[in-house]
């Protein structure tokens, strides 16, 4: 596990990028500033291009924010995922929202 900043210049067979949610990546503080948002986009690109064979982009449907349970809709995945060219992603949603256990 490492930060995206530390990953610059490195490559890995498999990369997991977790927390790919609006408000986390890109961070909520960067969404109002075009330059900050572009920097977050560049960092995302760095992370994605570290993978030689497989890249996993994940986001939550439920998350605790400051101890409060929050339900996140399907559409709240990061805009960076949504901006990828069509046909790039292989979606793996084997369960429906109602089938997901509520561990939080």
N, C-alpha and C. Protein backbone atom coordinates (compact mmCIF):
# COMPACT_ATOMS: atom_id res chain seq x y z
N UNK A 1 0.85 -1.16 0.00
CA UNK A 1 0.00 0.00 0.00
C UNK A 1 0.90 1.23 0.00
N UNK A 2 0.55 2.20 -0.85
CA UNK A 2 1.29 3.45 -0.90
C UNK A 2 0.42 4.55 -1.45
N UNK A 3 0.87 5.77 -1.30
CA UNK A 3 0.14 6.90 -1.86
C UNK A 3 0.41 6.99 -3.35
N UNK A 4 -0.46 7.69 -4.05
CA UNK A 4 -0.24 7.89 -5.48
C UNK A 4 1.01 8.71 -5.74
N UNK A 5 1.31 9.64 -4.86
CA UNK A 5 2.54 10.43 -5.03
C UNK A 5 3.77 9.54 -4.98
N UNK A 6 3.77 8.56 -4.06
CA UNK A 6 4.92 7.66 -3.92
C UNK A 6 5.02 6.67 -5.07
N UNK A 7 3.94 6.45 -5.79
CA UNK A 7 3.91 5.46 -6.86
C UNK A 7 4.49 5.97 -8.17
N UNK A 8 4.73 7.27 -8.27
CA UNK A 8 5.24 7.84 -9.52
C UNK A 8 6.55 7.15 -9.91
N UNK A 9 6.61 6.73 -11.17
CA UNK A 9 7.81 6.08 -11.69
C UNK A 9 7.89 4.59 -11.44
N UNK A 10 6.96 4.03 -10.67
CA UNK A 10 6.95 2.60 -10.38
C UNK A 10 5.87 1.91 -11.19
N UNK A 11 6.01 0.59 -11.38
CA UNK A 11 4.98 -0.21 -12.03
C UNK A 11 4.76 -1.47 -11.22
N UNK A 12 3.53 -1.98 -11.28
CA UNK A 12 3.16 -3.18 -10.56
C UNK A 12 2.30 -4.06 -11.46
N UNK A 13 2.35 -5.35 -11.24
CA UNK A 13 1.55 -6.28 -12.04
C UNK A 13 0.06 -5.97 -11.86
N UNK A 14 -0.35 -5.78 -10.61
CA UNK A 14 -1.76 -5.52 -10.28
C UNK A 14 -1.83 -4.29 -9.38
N UNK A 15 -2.78 -3.40 -9.65
CA UNK A 15 -2.97 -2.20 -8.85
C UNK A 15 -4.43 -2.12 -8.41
N UNK A 16 -4.64 -1.81 -7.14
CA UNK A 16 -5.96 -1.55 -6.59
C UNK A 16 -6.03 -0.08 -6.22
N UNK A 17 -7.00 0.61 -6.76
CA UNK A 17 -7.26 1.99 -6.36
C UNK A 17 -8.62 1.99 -5.66
N UNK A 18 -8.60 2.19 -4.37
CA UNK A 18 -9.83 2.13 -3.57
C UNK A 18 -10.28 3.55 -3.21
N UNK A 19 -11.54 3.68 -2.85
CA UNK A 19 -12.07 4.98 -2.48
C UNK A 19 -12.28 5.89 -3.68
N UNK A 20 -12.60 5.30 -4.83
CA UNK A 20 -12.82 6.07 -6.05
C UNK A 20 -14.24 6.63 -6.03
N UNK A 21 -14.47 7.57 -5.10
CA UNK A 21 -15.79 8.15 -4.89
C UNK A 21 -15.71 9.66 -4.94
N UNK A 22 -16.74 10.29 -5.47
CA UNK A 22 -16.82 11.75 -5.43
C UNK A 22 -16.72 12.19 -3.98
N UNK A 23 -15.88 13.14 -3.73
CA UNK A 23 -15.68 13.63 -2.36
C UNK A 23 -14.44 13.04 -1.72
N UNK A 24 -14.03 11.85 -2.19
CA UNK A 24 -12.77 11.27 -1.73
C UNK A 24 -11.70 11.39 -2.80
N UNK A 25 -12.06 10.99 -4.02
CA UNK A 25 -11.13 11.09 -5.14
C UNK A 25 -11.90 11.36 -6.41
N UNK A 26 -12.10 12.58 -6.80
CA UNK A 26 -11.41 13.76 -6.29
C UNK A 26 -11.94 14.18 -4.91
N UNK A 27 -11.04 14.74 -4.14
CA UNK A 27 -11.39 15.20 -2.80
C UNK A 27 -12.36 16.37 -2.90
N UNK A 28 -13.25 16.46 -1.94
CA UNK A 28 -14.28 17.51 -1.96
C UNK A 28 -13.67 18.91 -2.01
N UNK A 29 -12.50 19.11 -1.41
CA UNK A 29 -11.88 20.45 -1.42
C UNK A 29 -11.38 20.84 -2.81
N UNK A 30 -11.13 19.86 -3.67
CA UNK A 30 -10.58 20.18 -4.99
C UNK A 30 -11.67 20.38 -6.05
N UNK A 31 -12.89 20.03 -5.74
CA UNK A 31 -13.94 20.06 -6.75
C UNK A 31 -14.38 21.47 -7.14
N UNK A 32 -14.08 22.47 -6.34
CA UNK A 32 -14.49 23.84 -6.65
C UNK A 32 -13.39 24.63 -7.35
N UNK A 33 -12.20 24.06 -7.45
CA UNK A 33 -11.07 24.77 -8.06
C UNK A 33 -10.60 23.96 -9.27
N UNK A 34 -10.69 24.54 -10.44
CA UNK A 34 -10.35 23.84 -11.68
C UNK A 34 -8.92 23.30 -11.66
N UNK A 35 -7.97 24.08 -11.16
CA UNK A 35 -6.57 23.65 -11.11
C UNK A 35 -6.37 22.48 -10.15
N UNK A 36 -7.02 22.56 -9.00
CA UNK A 36 -6.92 21.47 -8.02
C UNK A 36 -7.54 20.19 -8.58
N UNK A 37 -8.67 20.33 -9.27
CA UNK A 37 -9.32 19.18 -9.87
C UNK A 37 -8.43 18.54 -10.93
N UNK A 38 -7.76 19.35 -11.73
CA UNK A 38 -6.85 18.82 -12.74
C UNK A 38 -5.67 18.10 -12.10
N UNK A 39 -5.19 18.60 -10.98
CA UNK A 39 -4.11 17.92 -10.26
C UNK A 39 -4.58 16.56 -9.75
N UNK A 40 -5.80 16.49 -9.23
CA UNK A 40 -6.36 15.21 -8.80
C UNK A 40 -6.50 14.26 -9.99
N UNK A 41 -6.91 14.79 -11.14
CA UNK A 41 -7.05 13.97 -12.35
C UNK A 41 -5.68 13.41 -12.77
N UNK A 42 -4.65 14.24 -12.69
CA UNK A 42 -3.29 13.77 -13.02
C UNK A 42 -2.84 12.68 -12.07
N UNK A 43 -3.14 12.84 -10.78
CA UNK A 43 -2.79 11.81 -9.80
C UNK A 43 -3.52 10.50 -10.10
N UNK A 44 -4.77 10.62 -10.50
CA UNK A 44 -5.54 9.43 -10.85
C UNK A 44 -4.89 8.72 -12.04
N UNK A 45 -4.48 9.49 -13.03
CA UNK A 45 -3.81 8.94 -14.20
C UNK A 45 -2.51 8.24 -13.79
N UNK A 46 -1.77 8.84 -12.88
CA UNK A 46 -0.55 8.21 -12.38
C UNK A 46 -0.89 6.84 -11.79
N UNK A 47 -1.91 6.79 -10.95
CA UNK A 47 -2.29 5.52 -10.33
C UNK A 47 -2.71 4.49 -11.36
N UNK A 48 -3.53 4.90 -12.31
CA UNK A 48 -4.02 3.96 -13.31
C UNK A 48 -2.90 3.42 -14.20
N UNK A 49 -1.94 4.24 -14.49
CA UNK A 49 -0.87 3.80 -15.39
C UNK A 49 0.24 3.05 -14.68
N UNK A 50 0.11 2.81 -13.38
CA UNK A 50 1.08 1.99 -12.65
C UNK A 50 0.84 0.51 -12.88
N UNK A 51 -0.35 0.14 -13.34
CA UNK A 51 -0.72 -1.27 -13.52
C UNK A 51 -0.23 -1.79 -14.86
N UNK A 52 0.54 -2.88 -14.82
CA UNK A 52 1.00 -3.50 -16.07
C UNK A 52 -0.05 -4.45 -16.63
N UNK A 53 -0.77 -5.17 -15.76
CA UNK A 53 -1.72 -6.18 -16.24
C UNK A 53 -3.16 -5.92 -15.83
N UNK A 54 -3.39 -5.65 -14.55
CA UNK A 54 -4.76 -5.47 -14.06
C UNK A 54 -4.86 -4.25 -13.18
N UNK A 55 -5.97 -3.54 -13.34
CA UNK A 55 -6.27 -2.38 -12.52
C UNK A 55 -7.67 -2.55 -11.95
N UNK A 56 -7.79 -2.44 -10.64
CA UNK A 56 -9.08 -2.52 -9.97
C UNK A 56 -9.41 -1.14 -9.41
N UNK A 57 -10.56 -0.61 -9.79
CA UNK A 57 -11.05 0.68 -9.29
C UNK A 57 -12.27 0.38 -8.44
N UNK A 58 -12.25 0.72 -7.17
CA UNK A 58 -13.37 0.36 -6.30
C UNK A 58 -13.93 1.59 -5.58
N UNK A 59 -15.22 1.49 -5.26
CA UNK A 59 -15.87 2.50 -4.43
C UNK A 59 -16.96 1.83 -3.61
N UNK A 60 -17.38 2.50 -2.55
CA UNK A 60 -18.35 1.94 -1.60
C UNK A 60 -19.77 2.35 -1.93
N UNK A 61 -20.67 1.55 -1.44
CA UNK A 61 -22.09 1.93 -1.45
C UNK A 61 -22.48 2.53 -0.10
N UNK A 62 -21.74 2.15 0.94
CA UNK A 62 -21.98 2.67 2.29
C UNK A 62 -20.63 2.97 2.92
N UNK A 63 -20.59 4.03 3.70
CA UNK A 63 -19.34 4.44 4.32
C UNK A 63 -19.66 5.18 5.61
N UNK A 64 -18.75 5.12 6.56
CA UNK A 64 -18.86 5.92 7.77
C UNK A 64 -18.08 7.22 7.57
N UNK A 65 -18.74 8.34 7.74
CA UNK A 65 -18.10 9.65 7.73
C UNK A 65 -18.23 10.23 9.12
N UNK A 66 -17.10 10.40 9.79
CA UNK A 66 -17.08 10.93 11.14
C UNK A 66 -18.06 10.17 12.05
N UNK A 67 -18.07 8.85 11.91
CA UNK A 67 -18.91 8.00 12.74
C UNK A 67 -20.36 7.91 12.33
N UNK A 68 -20.75 8.62 11.28
CA UNK A 68 -22.13 8.61 10.82
C UNK A 68 -22.27 7.73 9.59
N UNK A 69 -23.25 6.85 9.61
CA UNK A 69 -23.52 5.97 8.49
C UNK A 69 -24.08 6.77 7.32
N UNK A 70 -23.48 6.59 6.15
CA UNK A 70 -23.91 7.32 4.96
C UNK A 70 -24.12 6.33 3.83
N UNK A 71 -25.25 6.42 3.15
CA UNK A 71 -25.50 5.58 1.99
C UNK A 71 -25.08 6.34 0.75
N UNK A 72 -24.29 5.70 -0.08
CA UNK A 72 -23.79 6.31 -1.30
C UNK A 72 -24.45 5.62 -2.48
N UNK A 73 -24.96 6.38 -3.41
CA UNK A 73 -25.64 5.80 -4.56
C UNK A 73 -24.64 5.25 -5.56
N UNK A 74 -25.10 4.39 -6.45
CA UNK A 74 -24.26 3.81 -7.49
C UNK A 74 -23.57 4.89 -8.31
N UNK A 75 -24.24 5.99 -8.56
CA UNK A 75 -23.74 7.01 -9.47
C UNK A 75 -22.63 7.83 -8.82
N UNK A 76 -22.39 7.67 -7.52
CA UNK A 76 -21.41 8.52 -6.85
C UNK A 76 -19.98 8.00 -7.00
N UNK A 77 -19.77 7.04 -7.88
CA UNK A 77 -18.40 6.67 -8.18
C UNK A 77 -17.68 7.89 -8.72
N UNK A 78 -16.38 7.91 -8.60
CA UNK A 78 -15.60 9.07 -9.01
C UNK A 78 -15.85 9.45 -10.47
N UNK A 79 -15.87 10.74 -10.72
CA UNK A 79 -16.00 11.25 -12.09
C UNK A 79 -14.87 10.73 -12.95
N UNK A 80 -13.72 10.39 -12.33
CA UNK A 80 -12.59 9.88 -13.09
C UNK A 80 -12.89 8.51 -13.68
N UNK A 81 -13.72 7.72 -13.01
CA UNK A 81 -14.15 6.44 -13.58
C UNK A 81 -15.11 6.70 -14.73
N UNK A 82 -16.03 7.63 -14.51
CA UNK A 82 -17.02 7.94 -15.53
C UNK A 82 -16.41 8.55 -16.78
N UNK A 83 -15.25 9.19 -16.66
CA UNK A 83 -14.59 9.83 -17.79
C UNK A 83 -13.78 8.87 -18.66
N UNK A 84 -13.62 7.64 -18.21
CA UNK A 84 -12.86 6.66 -19.00
C UNK A 84 -13.60 6.36 -20.30
N UNK A 85 -12.88 6.10 -21.38
CA UNK A 85 -13.53 5.80 -22.65
C UNK A 85 -14.44 4.57 -22.55
N UNK A 86 -15.56 4.63 -23.26
CA UNK A 86 -16.50 3.52 -23.26
C UNK A 86 -15.79 2.25 -23.72
N UNK A 87 -16.09 1.14 -23.06
CA UNK A 87 -15.48 -0.14 -23.40
C UNK A 87 -14.20 -0.41 -22.65
N UNK A 88 -13.73 0.58 -21.87
CA UNK A 88 -12.50 0.41 -21.11
C UNK A 88 -12.71 -0.47 -19.89
N UNK A 89 -13.86 -0.32 -19.26
CA UNK A 89 -14.13 -1.01 -18.00
C UNK A 89 -14.86 -2.32 -18.20
N UNK A 90 -14.52 -3.26 -17.33
CA UNK A 90 -15.29 -4.49 -17.22
C UNK A 90 -15.96 -4.42 -15.85
N UNK A 91 -17.25 -4.18 -15.85
CA UNK A 91 -17.97 -4.03 -14.58
C UNK A 91 -18.14 -5.37 -13.91
N UNK A 92 -18.00 -5.40 -12.63
CA UNK A 92 -18.17 -6.62 -11.86
C UNK A 92 -19.10 -6.34 -10.70
N UNK A 93 -20.38 -6.26 -11.00
CA UNK A 93 -21.38 -6.04 -9.96
C UNK A 93 -22.22 -7.31 -9.86
N UNK A 94 -21.73 -8.27 -9.12
CA UNK A 94 -22.40 -9.57 -9.02
C UNK A 94 -23.60 -9.54 -8.10
N UNK A 95 -23.70 -8.52 -7.26
CA UNK A 95 -24.80 -8.47 -6.30
C UNK A 95 -25.64 -7.23 -6.54
N UNK A 96 -26.87 -7.33 -6.21
CA UNK A 96 -27.76 -6.17 -6.29
C UNK A 96 -27.67 -5.44 -4.95
N UNK A 97 -28.06 -4.20 -4.94
CA UNK A 97 -28.01 -3.38 -3.73
C UNK A 97 -28.68 -4.08 -2.55
N UNK A 98 -29.81 -4.72 -2.77
CA UNK A 98 -30.54 -5.36 -1.68
C UNK A 98 -29.84 -6.61 -1.17
N UNK A 99 -28.92 -7.19 -1.95
CA UNK A 99 -28.21 -8.39 -1.54
C UNK A 99 -26.95 -8.10 -0.74
N UNK A 100 -26.57 -6.84 -0.64
CA UNK A 100 -25.34 -6.48 0.05
C UNK A 100 -25.60 -6.45 1.54
N UNK A 101 -24.85 -7.21 2.34
CA UNK A 101 -25.06 -7.20 3.80
C UNK A 101 -24.75 -5.82 4.37
N UNK A 102 -25.44 -5.45 5.40
CA UNK A 102 -25.26 -4.17 6.05
C UNK A 102 -24.33 -4.36 7.25
N UNK A 103 -23.03 -4.26 7.03
CA UNK A 103 -22.06 -4.44 8.11
C UNK A 103 -21.83 -3.16 8.89
N UNK A 104 -22.25 -2.04 8.33
CA UNK A 104 -22.00 -0.76 9.02
C UNK A 104 -23.11 -0.42 9.95
